[in-house]
Amino acid sequence: SAGVHHHEHPNALVFDLGDPGSITAEFMAKQPGATMA
């Protein structure tokens, strides 16, 4: 019920090589609320 299996490949580093460019870390985090979603 936490929803972790609903998101395929949640952990990644993404380099945008366009101009000007960026680096993004993608990960799983707890959503606000009373449950471990």
Full PDB file with SEQRES, HELIX, SHEET, SSBOND, CRYST1, ORIGX, SCALE, CONECT and MASTER records, all heavy atoms in Angstrom:
SEQRES   1 A   37  SER ALA GLY VAL HIS HIS HIS GLU HIS PRO ASN ALA LEU          
SEQRES   2 A   37  VAL PHE ASP LEU GLY ASP PRO GLY SER ILE THR ALA GLU          
SEQRES   3 A   37  PHE MET ALA LYS GLN PRO GLY ALA THR MET ALA                  
HELIX    1 AA1 VAL A    4  HIS A    6  5                                   3    
SHEET    1 AA1 2 ALA A  12  ASP A  16  0                                        
SHEET    2 AA1 2 SER A  22  GLU A  26 -1                                        
CRYST1    1.000    1.000    1.000  90.00  90.00  90.00 P 1           1          
ORIGX1      1.000000  0.000000  0.000000        0.00000                         
ORIGX2      0.000000  1.000000  0.000000        0.00000                         
ORIGX3      0.000000  0.000000  1.000000        0.00000                         
SCALE1      1.000000  0.000000  0.000000        0.00000                         
SCALE2      0.000000  1.000000  0.000000        0.00000                         
SCALE3      0.000000  0.000000  1.000000        0.00000                         
ATOM      1  N   SER A   1       0.801  -1.219   0.000  1.00  0.00           N  
ATOM      2  CA  SER A   1       0.000   0.000   0.000  1.00  0.00           C  
ATOM      3  C   SER A   1       0.836   1.272   0.000  1.00  0.00           C  
ATOM      4  O   SER A   1       0.325   2.363  -0.231  1.00  0.00           O  
ATOM      5  CB  SER A   1      -0.929   0.008   1.227  1.00  0.00           C  
ATOM      6  OG  SER A   1      -0.145  -0.049   2.424  1.00  0.00           O  
ATOM      7  N   ALA A   2       2.150   1.155   0.279  1.00  0.00           N  
ATOM      8  CA  ALA A   2       3.010   2.342   0.289  1.00  0.00           C  
ATOM      9  C   ALA A   2       3.178   2.943  -1.097  1.00  0.00           C  
ATOM     10  O   ALA A   2       3.567   4.097  -1.235  1.00  0.00           O  
ATOM     11  CB  ALA A   2       4.378   1.995   0.876  1.00  0.00           C  
ATOM     12  N   GLY A   3       2.929   2.127  -2.128  1.00  0.00           N  
ATOM     13  CA  GLY A   3       2.993   2.645  -3.490  1.00  0.00           C  
ATOM     14  C   GLY A   3       4.348   2.555  -4.140  1.00  0.00           C  
ATOM     15  O   GLY A   3       4.537   3.015  -5.262  1.00  0.00           O  
ATOM     16  N   VAL A   4       5.336   1.937  -3.462  1.00  0.00           N  
ATOM     17  CA  VAL A   4       6.677   1.888  -4.023  1.00  0.00           C  
ATOM     18  C   VAL A   4       6.733   1.073  -5.297  1.00  0.00           C  
ATOM     19  O   VAL A   4       7.536   1.330  -6.184  1.00  0.00           O  
ATOM     20  CB  VAL A   4       7.674   1.349  -2.967  1.00  0.00           C  
ATOM     21  CG1 VAL A   4       7.410  -0.121  -2.678  1.00  0.00           C  
ATOM     22  CG2 VAL A   4       9.104   1.562  -3.434  1.00  0.00           C  
ATOM     23  N   HIS A   5       5.843   0.062  -5.410  1.00  0.00           N  
ATOM     24  CA  HIS A   5       5.876  -0.802  -6.593  1.00  0.00           C  
ATOM     25  C   HIS A   5       5.115  -0.208  -7.772  1.00  0.00           C  
ATOM     26  O   HIS A   5       5.068  -0.811  -8.835  1.00  0.00           O  
ATOM     27  CB  HIS A   5       5.301  -2.176  -6.231  1.00  0.00           C  
ATOM     28  CG  HIS A   5       6.017  -2.831  -5.086  1.00  0.00           C  
ATOM     29  ND1 HIS A   5       7.304  -3.278  -5.177  1.00  0.00           N  
ATOM     30  CD2 HIS A   5       5.617  -3.075  -3.805  1.00  0.00           C  
ATOM     31  CE1 HIS A   5       7.680  -3.797  -4.009  1.00  0.00           C  
ATOM     32  NE2 HIS A   5       6.669  -3.684  -3.162  1.00  0.00           N  
ATOM     33  N   HIS A   6       4.511   0.954  -7.568  1.00  0.00           N  
ATOM     34  CA  HIS A   6       3.767   1.583  -8.656  1.00  0.00           C  
ATOM     35  C   HIS A   6       4.668   2.458  -9.531  1.00  0.00           C  
ATOM     36  O   HIS A   6       4.237   2.966 -10.554  1.00  0.00           O  
ATOM     37  CB  HIS A   6       2.632   2.456  -8.082  1.00  0.00           C  
ATOM     38  CG  HIS A   6       1.622   1.676  -7.304  1.00  0.00           C  
ATOM     39  ND1 HIS A   6       0.724   2.283  -6.445  1.00  0.00           N  
ATOM     40  CD2 HIS A   6       1.369   0.349  -7.236  1.00  0.00           C  
ATOM     41  CE1 HIS A   6      -0.038   1.362  -5.886  1.00  0.00           C  
ATOM     42  NE2 HIS A   6       0.335   0.177  -6.348  1.00  0.00           N  
ATOM     43  N   HIS A   7       5.893   2.644  -9.100  1.00  0.00           N  
ATOM     44  CA  HIS A   7       6.812   3.542  -9.817  1.00  0.00           C  
ATOM     45  C   HIS A   7       8.026   2.739 -10.295  1.00  0.00           C  
ATOM     46  O   HIS A   7       8.843   2.305  -9.493  1.00  0.00           O  
ATOM     47  CB  HIS A   7       7.261   4.683  -8.916  1.00  0.00           C  
ATOM     48  CG  HIS A   7       6.112   5.474  -8.366  1.00  0.00           C  
ATOM     49  ND1 HIS A   7       5.453   6.429  -9.103  1.00  0.00           N  
ATOM     50  CD2 HIS A   7       5.496   5.430  -7.157  1.00  0.00           C  
ATOM     51  CE1 HIS A   7       4.491   6.954  -8.372  1.00  0.00           C  
ATOM     52  NE2 HIS A   7       4.493   6.368  -7.183  1.00  0.00           N  
ATOM     53  N   GLU A   8       8.095   2.540 -11.581  1.00  0.00           N  
ATOM     54  CA  GLU A   8       9.187   1.749 -12.144  1.00  0.00           C  
ATOM     55  C   GLU A   8      10.481   2.575 -12.165  1.00  0.00           C  
ATOM     56  O   GLU A   8      10.484   3.743 -12.550  1.00  0.00           O  
ATOM     57  CB  GLU A   8       8.834   1.314 -13.569  1.00  0.00           C  
ATOM     58  CG  GLU A   8       9.829   0.342 -14.172  1.00  0.00           C  
ATOM     59  CD  GLU A   8       9.410  -0.126 -15.550  1.00  0.00           C  
ATOM     60  OE1 GLU A   8       8.375   0.344 -16.038  1.00  0.00           O  
ATOM     61  OE2 GLU A   8      10.114  -0.959 -16.121  1.00  0.00           O  
ATOM     62  N   HIS A   9      11.576   1.954 -11.728  1.00  0.00           N  
ATOM     63  CA  HIS A   9      12.895   2.589 -11.736  1.00  0.00           C  
ATOM     64  C   HIS A   9      12.880   3.969 -11.069  1.00  0.00           C  
ATOM     65  O   HIS A   9      13.092   4.994 -11.723  1.00  0.00           O  
ATOM     66  CB  HIS A   9      13.424   2.715 -13.158  1.00  0.00           C  
ATOM     67  CG  HIS A   9      13.497   1.414 -13.892  1.00  0.00           C  
ATOM     68  ND1 HIS A   9      14.303   0.381 -13.488  1.00  0.00           N  
ATOM     69  CD2 HIS A   9      12.840   0.973 -14.988  1.00  0.00           C  
ATOM     70  CE1 HIS A   9      14.150  -0.644 -14.325  1.00  0.00           C  
ATOM     71  NE2 HIS A   9      13.272  -0.313 -15.233  1.00  0.00           N  
ATOM     72  N   PRO A  10      12.617   4.029  -9.774  1.00  0.00           N  
ATOM     73  CA  PRO A  10      12.509   5.336  -9.123  1.00  0.00           C  
ATOM     74  C   PRO A  10      13.841   6.016  -8.850  1.00  0.00           C  
ATOM     75  O   PRO A  10      13.873   7.214  -8.593  1.00  0.00           O  
ATOM     76  CB  PRO A  10      11.808   5.002  -7.805  1.00  0.00           C  
ATOM     77  CG  PRO A  10      12.244   3.586  -7.513  1.00  0.00           C  
ATOM     78  CD  PRO A  10      12.356   2.924  -8.847  1.00  0.00           C  
ATOM     79  N   ASN A  11      14.967   5.266  -8.885  1.00  0.00           N  
ATOM     80  CA  ASN A  11      16.265   5.847  -8.520  1.00  0.00           C  
ATOM     81  C   ASN A  11      17.114   6.074  -9.760  1.00  0.00           C  
ATOM     82  O   ASN A  11      17.456   5.125 -10.470  1.00  0.00           O  
ATOM     83  CB  ASN A  11      17.015   4.928  -7.555  1.00  0.00           C  
ATOM     84  CG  ASN A  11      16.221   4.668  -6.275  1.00  0.00           C  
ATOM     85  OD1 ASN A  11      16.198   3.563  -5.780  1.00  0.00           O  
ATOM     86  ND2 ASN A  11      15.575   5.682  -5.736  1.00  0.00           N  
ATOM     87  N   ALA A  12      17.468   7.348 -10.016  1.00  0.00           N  
ATOM     88  CA  ALA A  12      18.248   7.644 -11.213  1.00  0.00           C  
ATOM     89  C   ALA A  12      18.944   8.985 -11.059  1.00  0.00           C  
ATOM     90  O   ALA A  12      18.501   9.861 -10.319  1.00  0.00           O  
ATOM     91  CB  ALA A  12      17.356   7.666 -12.456  1.00  0.00           C  
ATOM     92  N   LEU A  13      20.064   9.128 -11.778  1.00  0.00           N  
ATOM     93  CA  LEU A  13      20.706  10.424 -11.985  1.00  0.00           C  
ATOM     94  C   LEU A  13      20.504  10.777 -13.453  1.00  0.00           C  
ATOM     95  O   LEU A  13      20.825   9.986 -14.344  1.00  0.00           O  
ATOM     96  CB  LEU A  13      22.201  10.353 -11.678  1.00  0.00           C  
ATOM     97  CG  LEU A  13      22.635  10.455 -10.216  1.00  0.00           C  
ATOM     98  CD1 LEU A  13      24.146  10.240 -10.123  1.00  0.00           C  
ATOM     99  CD2 LEU A  13      22.264  11.808  -9.637  1.00  0.00           C  
ATOM    100  N   VAL A  14      19.967  11.961 -13.709  1.00  0.00           N  
ATOM    101  CA  VAL A  14      19.639  12.363 -15.076  1.00  0.00           C  
ATOM    102  C   VAL A  14      20.421  13.626 -15.426  1.00  0.00           C  
ATOM    103  O   VAL A  14      20.292  14.651 -14.757  1.00  0.00           O  
ATOM    104  CB  VAL A  14      18.124  12.615 -15.227  1.00  0.00           C  
ATOM    105  CG1 VAL A  14      17.799  13.007 -16.671  1.00  0.00           C  
ATOM    106  CG2 VAL A  14      17.330  11.384 -14.823  1.00  0.00           C  
ATOM    107  N   PHE A  15      21.239  13.529 -16.475  1.00  0.00           N  
ATOM    108  CA  PHE A  15      22.001  14.672 -16.984  1.00  0.00           C  
ATOM    109  C   PHE A  15      21.284  15.221 -18.213  1.00  0.00           C  
ATOM    110  O   PHE A  15      21.143  14.516 -19.214  1.00  0.00           O  
ATOM    111  CB  PHE A  15      23.413  14.257 -17.394  1.00  0.00           C  
ATOM    112  CG  PHE A  15      24.290  13.804 -16.264  1.00  0.00           C  
ATOM    113  CD1 PHE A  15      24.198  12.513 -15.763  1.00  0.00           C  
ATOM    114  CD2 PHE A  15      25.221  14.661 -15.704  1.00  0.00           C  
ATOM    115  CE1 PHE A  15      25.008  12.091 -14.725  1.00  0.00           C  
ATOM    116  CE2 PHE A  15      26.039  14.248 -14.669  1.00  0.00           C  
ATOM    117  CZ  PHE A  15      25.934  12.949 -14.176  1.00  0.00           C  
ATOM    118  N   ASP A  16      20.849  16.453 -18.144  1.00  0.00           N  
ATOM    119  CA  ASP A  16      20.338  17.146 -19.323  1.00  0.00           C  
ATOM    120  C   ASP A  16      21.526  17.860 -19.956  1.00  0.00           C  
ATOM    121  O   ASP A  16      22.077  18.809 -19.383  1.00  0.00           O  
ATOM    122  CB  ASP A  16      19.250  18.144 -18.925  1.00  0.00           C  
ATOM    123  CG  ASP A  16      18.647  18.866 -20.119  1.00  0.00           C  
ATOM    124  OD1 ASP A  16      19.239  18.822 -21.215  1.00  0.00           O  
ATOM    125  OD2 ASP A  16      17.593  19.493 -19.964  1.00  0.00           O  
ATOM    126  N   LEU A  17      21.933  17.396 -21.146  1.00  0.00           N  
ATOM    127  CA  LEU A  17      23.121  17.934 -21.803  1.00  0.00           C  
ATOM    128  C   LEU A  17      22.808  19.111 -22.721  1.00  0.00           C  
ATOM    129  O   LEU A  17      23.675  19.572 -23.460  1.00  0.00           O  
ATOM    130  CB  LEU A  17      23.823  16.836 -22.608  1.00  0.00           C  
ATOM    131  CG  LEU A  17      24.218  15.580 -21.824  1.00  0.00           C  
ATOM    132  CD1 LEU A  17      24.967  14.614 -22.746  1.00  0.00           C  
ATOM    133  CD2 LEU A  17      25.045  15.917 -20.602  1.00  0.00           C  
ATOM    134  N   GLY A  18      21.564  19.570 -22.689  1.00  0.00           N  
ATOM    135  CA  GLY A  18      21.224  20.747 -23.482  1.00  0.00           C  
ATOM    136  C   GLY A  18      21.826  21.996 -22.869  1.00  0.00           C  
ATOM    137  O   GLY A  18      22.490  21.950 -21.831  1.00  0.00           O  
ATOM    138  N   ASP A  19      21.613  23.127 -23.517  1.00  0.00           N  
ATOM    139  CA  ASP A  19      22.111  24.403 -22.994  1.00  0.00           C  
ATOM    140  C   ASP A  19      20.984  25.118 -22.259  1.00  0.00           C  
ATOM    141  O   ASP A  19      19.903  25.266 -22.817  1.00  0.00           O  
ATOM    142  CB  ASP A  19      22.644  25.276 -24.133  1.00  0.00           C  
ATOM    143  CG  ASP A  19      23.875  24.675 -24.794  1.00  0.00           C  
ATOM    144  OD1 ASP A  19      24.690  24.108 -24.060  1.00  0.00           O  
ATOM    145  OD2 ASP A  19      23.997  24.776 -26.021  1.00  0.00           O  
ATOM    146  N   PRO A  20      21.168  25.507 -20.993  1.00  0.00           N  
ATOM    147  CA  PRO A  20      22.433  25.496 -20.253  1.00  0.00           C  
ATOM    148  C   PRO A  20      22.748  24.182 -19.541  1.00  0.00           C  
ATOM    149  O   PRO A  20      23.844  23.990 -19.067  1.00  0.00           O  
ATOM    150  CB  PRO A  20      22.230  26.623 -19.235  1.00  0.00           C  
ATOM    151  CG  PRO A  20      20.764  26.622 -18.983  1.00  0.00           C  
ATOM    152  CD  PRO A  20      20.116  26.253 -20.286  1.00  0.00           C  
ATOM    153  N   GLY A  21      21.768  23.272 -19.388  1.00  0.00           N  
ATOM    154  CA  GLY A  21      22.030  21.969 -18.802  1.00  0.00           C  
ATOM    155  C   GLY A  21      21.630  21.879 -17.336  1.00  0.00           C  
ATOM    156  O   GLY A  21      21.492  22.879 -16.632  1.00  0.00           O  
ATOM    157  N   SER A  22      21.438  20.626 -16.883  1.00  0.00           N  
ATOM    158  CA  SER A  22      21.056  20.393 -15.495  1.00  0.00           C  
ATOM    159  C   SER A  22      21.409  18.967 -15.106  1.00  0.00           C  
ATOM    160  O   SER A  22      21.683  18.120 -15.959  1.00  0.00           O  
ATOM    161  CB  SER A  22      19.549  20.626 -15.298  1.00  0.00           C  
ATOM    162  OG  SER A  22      18.791  19.674 -16.038  1.00  0.00           O  
ATOM    163  N   ILE A  23      21.391  18.701 -13.799  1.00  0.00           N  
ATOM    164  CA  ILE A  23      21.565  17.355 -13.260  1.00  0.00           C  
ATOM    165  C   ILE A  23      20.453  17.128 -12.251  1.00  0.00           C  
ATOM    166  O   ILE A  23      20.250  17.939 -11.342  1.00  0.00           O  
ATOM    167  CB  ILE A  23      22.929  17.169 -12.572  1.00  0.00           C  
ATOM    168  CG1 ILE A  23      24.066  17.497 -13.541  1.00  0.00           C  
ATOM    169  CG2 ILE A  23      23.081  15.752 -12.037  1.00  0.00           C  
ATOM    170  CD1 ILE A  23      25.433  17.526 -12.876  1.00  0.00           C  
ATOM    171  N   THR A  24      19.719  16.022 -12.401  1.00  0.00           N  
ATOM    172  CA  THR A  24      18.594  15.728 -11.519  1.00  0.00           C  
ATOM    173  C   THR A  24      18.787  14.383 -10.856  1.00  0.00           C  
ATOM    174  O   THR A  24      19.119  13.393 -11.527  1.00  0.00           O  
ATOM    175  CB  THR A  24      17.270  15.723 -12.309  1.00  0.00           C  
ATOM    176  OG1 THR A  24      17.065  17.006 -12.890  1.00  0.00           O  
ATOM    177  CG2 THR A  24      16.093  15.398 -11.400  1.00  0.00           C  
ATOM    178  N   ALA A  25      18.596  14.339  -9.549  1.00  0.00           N  
ATOM    179  CA  ALA A  25      18.570  13.080  -8.809  1.00  0.00           C  
ATOM    180  C   ALA A  25      17.112  12.696  -8.585  1.00  0.00           C  
ATOM    181  O   ALA A  25      16.339  13.483  -8.015  1.00  0.00           O  
ATOM    182  CB  ALA A  25      19.296  13.231  -7.473  1.00  0.00           C  
ATOM    183  N   GLU A  26      16.714  11.520  -9.057  1.00  0.00           N  
ATOM    184  CA  GLU A  26      15.349  11.039  -8.893  1.00  0.00           C  
ATOM    185  C   GLU A  26      15.345   9.937  -7.839  1.00  0.00           C  
ATOM    186  O   GLU A  26      16.135   8.994  -7.915  1.00  0.00           O  
ATOM    187  CB  GLU A  26      14.808  10.521 -10.225  1.00  0.00           C  
ATOM    188  CG  GLU A  26      14.764  11.594 -11.314  1.00  0.00           C  
ATOM    189  CD  GLU A  26      14.170  11.091 -12.617  1.00  0.00           C  
ATOM    190  OE1 GLU A  26      13.995   9.851 -12.740  1.00  0.00           O  
ATOM    191  OE2 GLU A  26      13.877  11.919 -13.489  1.00  0.00           O  
ATOM    192  N   PHE A  27      14.443  10.043  -6.865  1.00  0.00           N  
ATOM    193  CA  PHE A  27      14.427   9.085  -5.762  1.00  0.00           C  
ATOM    194  C   PHE A  27      13.019   9.003  -5.196  1.00  0.00           C  
ATOM    195  O   PHE A  27      12.126   9.773  -5.565  1.00  0.00           O  
ATOM    196  CB  PHE A  27      15.418   9.521  -4.674  1.00  0.00           C  
ATOM    197  CG  PHE A  27      15.195  10.916  -4.160  1.00  0.00           C  
ATOM    198  CD1 PHE A  27      14.442  11.161  -3.015  1.00  0.00           C  
ATOM    199  CD2 PHE A  27      15.734  12.009  -4.829  1.00  0.00           C  
ATOM    200  CE1 PHE A  27      14.229  12.444  -2.555  1.00  0.00           C  
ATOM    201  CE2 PHE A  27      15.533  13.309  -4.372  1.00  0.00           C  
ATOM    202  CZ  PHE A  27      14.770  13.520  -3.230  1.00  0.00           C  
ATOM    203  N   MET A  28      12.819   8.062  -4.257  1.00  0.00           N  
ATOM    204  CA  MET A  28      11.539   7.901  -3.592  1.00  0.00           C  
ATOM    205  C   MET A  28      11.567   8.630  -2.251  1.00  0.00           C  
ATOM    206  O   MET A  28      12.579   8.632  -1.551  1.00  0.00           O  
ATOM    207  CB  MET A  28      11.224   6.423  -3.380  1.00  0.00           C  
ATOM    208  CG  MET A  28      11.100   5.616  -4.663  1.00  0.00           C  
ATOM    209  SD  MET A  28       9.762   6.184  -5.733  1.00  0.00           S  
ATOM    210  CE  MET A  28       8.334   5.726  -4.735  1.00  0.00           C  
ATOM    211  N   ALA A  29      10.458   9.261  -1.906  1.00  0.00           N  
ATOM    212  CA  ALA A  29      10.355   9.978  -0.640  1.00  0.00           C  
ATOM    213  C   ALA A  29       8.972   9.737  -0.035  1.00  0.00           C  
ATOM    214  O   ALA A  29       8.019   9.381  -0.746  1.00  0.00           O  
ATOM    215  CB  ALA A  29      10.577  11.471  -0.848  1.00  0.00           C  
ATOM    216  N   LYS A  30       8.876   9.930   1.272  1.00  0.00           N  
ATOM    217  CA  LYS A  30       7.587   9.768   1.946  1.00  0.00           C  
ATOM    218  C   LYS A  30       6.687  10.953   1.626  1.00  0.00           C  
ATOM    219  O   LYS A  30       7.086  12.102   1.716  1.00  0.00           O  
ATOM    220  CB  LYS A  30       7.773   9.674   3.459  1.00  0.00           C  
ATOM    221  CG  LYS A  30       6.459   9.499   4.229  1.00  0.00           C  
ATOM    222  CD  LYS A  30       6.672   9.590   5.710  1.00  0.00           C  
ATOM    223  CE  LYS A  30       5.329   9.469   6.446  1.00  0.00           C  
ATOM    224  NZ  LYS A  30       4.394  10.548   6.081  1.00  0.00           N  
ATOM    225  N   GLN A  31       5.458  10.646   1.267  1.00  0.00           N  
ATOM    226  CA  GLN A  31       4.476  11.690   1.054  1.00  0.00           C  
ATOM    227  C   GLN A  31       3.932  12.162   2.405  1.00  0.00           C  
ATOM    228  O   GLN A  31       3.821  11.376   3.347  1.00  0.00           O  
ATOM    229  CB  GLN A  31       3.325  11.171   0.186  1.00  0.00           C  
ATOM    230  CG  GLN A  31       3.752  10.729  -1.198  1.00  0.00           C  
ATOM    231  CD  GLN A  31       2.576  10.330  -2.062  1.00  0.00           C  
ATOM    232  OE1 GLN A  31       1.495  10.907  -1.970  1.00  0.00           O  
ATOM    233  NE2 GLN A  31       2.774   9.323  -2.901  1.00  0.00           N  
ATOM    234  N   PRO A  32       3.606  13.448   2.514  1.00  0.00           N  
ATOM    235  CA  PRO A  32       3.040  13.941   3.773  1.00  0.00           C  
ATOM    236  C   PRO A  32       1.748  13.215   4.128  1.00  0.00           C  
ATOM    237  O   PRO A  32       0.945  12.889   3.254  1.00  0.00           O  
ATOM    238  CB  PRO A  32       2.772  15.426   3.478  1.00  0.00           C  
ATOM    239  CG  PRO A  32       3.664  15.760   2.340  1.00  0.00           C  
ATOM    240  CD  PRO A  32       3.771  14.513   1.515  1.00  0.00           C  
ATOM    241  N   GLY A  33       1.583  12.939   5.394  1.00  0.00           N  
ATOM    242  CA  GLY A  33       0.353  12.282   5.837  1.00  0.00           C  
ATOM    243  C   GLY A  33       0.601  11.290   6.936  1.00  0.00           C  
ATOM    244  O   GLY A  33       1.738  11.081   7.384  1.00  0.00           O  
ATOM    245  N   ALA A  34      -0.470  10.632   7.348  1.00  0.00           N  
ATOM    246  CA  ALA A  34      -0.412   9.724   8.493  1.00  0.00           C  
ATOM    247  C   ALA A  34       0.104   8.342   8.135  1.00  0.00           C  
ATOM    248  O   ALA A  34       0.431   7.545   9.024  1.00  0.00           O  
ATOM    249  CB  ALA A  34      -1.798   9.606   9.133  1.00  0.00           C  
ATOM    250  N   THR A  35       0.176   8.016   6.848  1.00  0.00           N  
ATOM    251  CA  THR A  35       0.629   6.684   6.442  1.00  0.00           C  
ATOM    252  C   THR A  35       1.985   6.771   5.747  1.00  0.00           C  
ATOM    253  O   THR A  35       2.402   7.839   5.288  1.00  0.00           O  
ATOM    254  CB  THR A  35      -0.386   6.038   5.483  1.00  0.00           C  
ATOM    255  OG1 THR A  35      -0.477   6.847   4.297  1.00  0.00           O  
ATOM    256  CG2 THR A  35      -1.764   5.933   6.141  1.00  0.00           C  
ATOM    257  N   MET A  36       2.659   5.605   5.646  1.00  0.00           N  
ATOM    258  CA  MET A  36       3.950   5.529   4.962  1.00  0.00           C  
ATOM    259  C   MET A  36       3.716   5.338   3.462  1.00  0.00           C  
ATOM    260  O   MET A  36       3.962   4.282   2.888  1.00  0.00           O  
ATOM    261  CB  MET A  36       4.791   4.394   5.533  1.00  0.00           C  
ATOM    262  CG  MET A  36       6.170   4.264   4.893  1.00  0.00           C  
ATOM    263  SD  MET A  36       7.169   5.770   4.972  1.00  0.00           S  
ATOM    264  CE  MET A  36       7.750   5.667   6.663  1.00  0.00           C  
ATOM    265  N   ALA A  37       3.196   6.395   2.842  1.00  0.00           N  
ATOM    266  CA  ALA A  37       2.978   6.367   1.397  1.00  0.00           C  
ATOM    267  C   ALA A  37       4.160   7.038   0.709  1.00  0.00           C  
ATOM    268  O   ALA A  37       4.586   8.119   1.111  1.00  0.00           O  
ATOM    269  CB  ALA A  37       1.681   7.081   1.041  1.00  0.00           C  
TER     270      ALA A  37                                                      
MASTER        0    0    0    1    2    0    0    6  269    1    0    3          
END                                                                             
